Amino acid sequence: MNRMNSHEEILDALEFNHICSVLQILGAKWAFLVIAKLSNGAKRFNQLQRDAAIIKTQSLTDVLRRLEDSGIVKREVFPTVPVSVEYSLTEKGIDFLDSLKEMEKWGEKWGKDQKE
């Protein structure tokens, strides 16, 4: 293998690593649905739960924590009685929305119901 091929392989591997890191963050079972629901603005936990009724409470809690830890979702606590918590997309989360729309288009074209 010559030096150029080795360099290209390293670059390819690095690009693949970026994709893998994105999938680790967004590959959580309900991550895409939660991001889509938050794309229209901030929501409280109960609102999200109603909007995404298919998600069990613990699963929603887990995916929100994961997205918050990854900087995709912001959790804001308001000092009310009882305490209220609101979730919204961060700049990083908003920046992902265009990619999400493109993935939706790809899914419409090539999803499991489509013939190749």
Protein backbone atom coordinates (compact mmCIF):
# COMPACT_ATOMS: atom_id res chain seq x y z
CA MET A 1 0.00 0.00 0.00
CA ASN A 2 1.45 3.38 -0.90
CA ARG A 3 1.50 6.38 1.36
CA MET A 4 -1.39 8.15 -0.40
CA ASN A 5 -3.76 5.22 0.03
CA SER A 6 -2.87 5.01 3.71
CA HIS A 7 -3.61 8.72 4.15
CA GLU A 8 -6.96 8.37 2.36
CA GLU A 9 -7.88 5.39 4.51
CA ILE A 10 -7.13 7.39 7.66
CA LEU A 11 -9.31 10.26 6.44
CA ASP A 12 -12.10 7.82 5.57
CA ALA A 13 -11.85 6.25 9.03
CA LEU A 14 -11.98 9.67 10.71
CA GLU A 15 -15.09 10.63 8.74
CA PHE A 16 -16.67 7.31 9.67
CA ASN A 17 -15.84 7.98 13.34
CA HIS A 18 -17.79 11.25 13.15
CA ILE A 19 -20.81 9.41 11.81
CA CYS A 20 -20.49 6.76 14.52
CA SER A 21 -20.34 9.41 17.24
CA VAL A 22 -23.50 11.04 15.86
CA LEU A 23 -25.28 7.69 15.82
CA GLN A 24 -24.23 7.00 19.40
CA ILE A 25 -25.90 10.23 20.49
CA LEU A 26 -28.96 10.09 18.27
CA GLY A 27 -29.33 6.34 18.02
CA ALA A 28 -31.35 6.12 21.23
CA LYS A 29 -34.68 4.48 20.48
CA TRP A 30 -36.87 7.59 20.67
CA ALA A 31 -34.30 10.37 20.12
CA PHE A 32 -35.54 11.35 16.66
CA LEU A 33 -39.16 11.54 17.80
CA VAL A 34 -38.28 13.69 20.82
CA ILE A 35 -36.19 16.03 18.67
CA ALA A 36 -39.03 16.31 16.16
CA LYS A 37 -41.54 17.09 18.93
CA LEU A 38 -39.24 19.79 20.35
CA SER A 39 -38.68 21.33 16.91
CA ASN A 40 -41.87 23.38 17.38
CA GLY A 41 -40.65 24.92 20.62
CA ALA A 42 -40.11 24.21 24.30
CA LYS A 43 -42.35 21.70 26.05
CA ARG A 44 -42.87 20.45 29.55
CA PHE A 45 -42.41 16.76 30.28
CA ASN A 46 -46.16 16.07 30.39
CA GLN A 47 -46.67 17.86 27.07
CA LEU A 48 -43.96 15.73 25.49
CA GLN A 49 -45.50 12.63 26.98
CA ARG A 50 -48.90 13.50 25.49
CA ASP A 51 -47.42 14.44 22.11
CA ALA A 52 -45.38 11.24 21.96
CA ALA A 53 -47.80 8.90 23.71
CA ILE A 54 -46.08 5.85 22.23
CA ILE A 55 -43.06 6.45 24.52
CA LYS A 56 -43.18 5.02 28.03
CA THR A 57 -42.43 7.45 30.87
CA GLN A 58 -39.08 5.91 31.82
CA SER A 59 -37.96 5.74 28.18
CA LEU A 60 -38.83 9.41 27.69
CA THR A 61 -36.89 10.31 30.83
CA ASP A 62 -33.88 8.30 29.63
CA VAL A 63 -33.82 9.79 26.13
CA LEU A 64 -34.22 13.34 27.47
CA ARG A 65 -31.26 12.79 29.82
CA ARG A 66 -29.16 11.37 27.01
CA LEU A 67 -30.00 14.26 24.69
CA GLU A 68 -29.34 16.76 27.47
CA ASP A 69 -25.97 15.14 28.28
CA SER A 70 -25.09 15.38 24.58
CA GLY A 71 -25.99 19.06 24.35
CA ILE A 72 -28.95 18.51 22.01
CA VAL A 73 -31.65 19.38 24.54
CA LYS A 74 -31.71 22.02 27.26
CA ARG A 75 -33.54 21.34 30.52
CA GLU A 76 -34.76 24.47 32.31
CA VAL A 77 -36.19 24.34 35.83
CA PHE A 78 -38.61 27.07 36.90
CA PRO A 79 -38.95 27.88 40.63
CA THR A 80 -42.71 27.46 40.77
CA VAL A 81 -44.85 25.42 43.13
CA PRO A 82 -44.83 22.69 42.06
CA VAL A 83 -41.52 22.98 40.22
CA SER A 84 -41.93 22.98 36.47
CA VAL A 85 -39.34 21.79 33.99
CA GLU A 86 -39.23 22.71 30.34
CA TYR A 87 -37.24 21.06 27.56
CA SER A 88 -36.08 22.77 24.38
CA LEU A 89 -33.58 22.24 21.61
CA THR A 90 -30.18 23.86 21.97
CA GLU A 91 -28.40 25.46 19.03
CA LYS A 92 -26.80 22.07 18.44
CA GLY A 93 -30.24 20.43 18.38
CA ILE A 94 -31.72 23.05 16.07
CA ASP A 95 -28.75 22.63 13.75
CA PHE A 96 -29.64 18.94 13.41
CA LEU A 97 -33.19 19.60 12.16
CA ASP A 98 -32.16 20.00 8.51
CA SER A 99 -30.43 16.62 8.65
CA LEU A 100 -33.53 15.12 10.25
CA LYS A 101 -35.68 16.45 7.39
CA GLU A 102 -33.28 14.96 4.84
CA MET A 103 -33.41 11.62 6.64
CA GLU A 104 -37.20 11.78 6.52
CA LYS A 105 -37.07 12.37 2.75
CA TRP A 106 -34.72 9.42 2.35
CA GLY A 107 -37.03 7.28 4.47
CA GLU A 108 -40.03 8.24 2.35
CA LYS A 109 -38.18 7.23 -0.78
CA TRP A 110 -36.37 4.13 0.47
CA GLY A 111 -38.26 3.11 3.60
CA LYS A 112 -39.27 -0.48 4.25
CA ASP A 113 -42.55 -0.16 2.34
CA GLN A 114 -40.79 0.93 -0.85
CA LYS A 115 -39.64 -1.54 -3.50
CA GLU A 116 -36.03 -1.21 -4.63
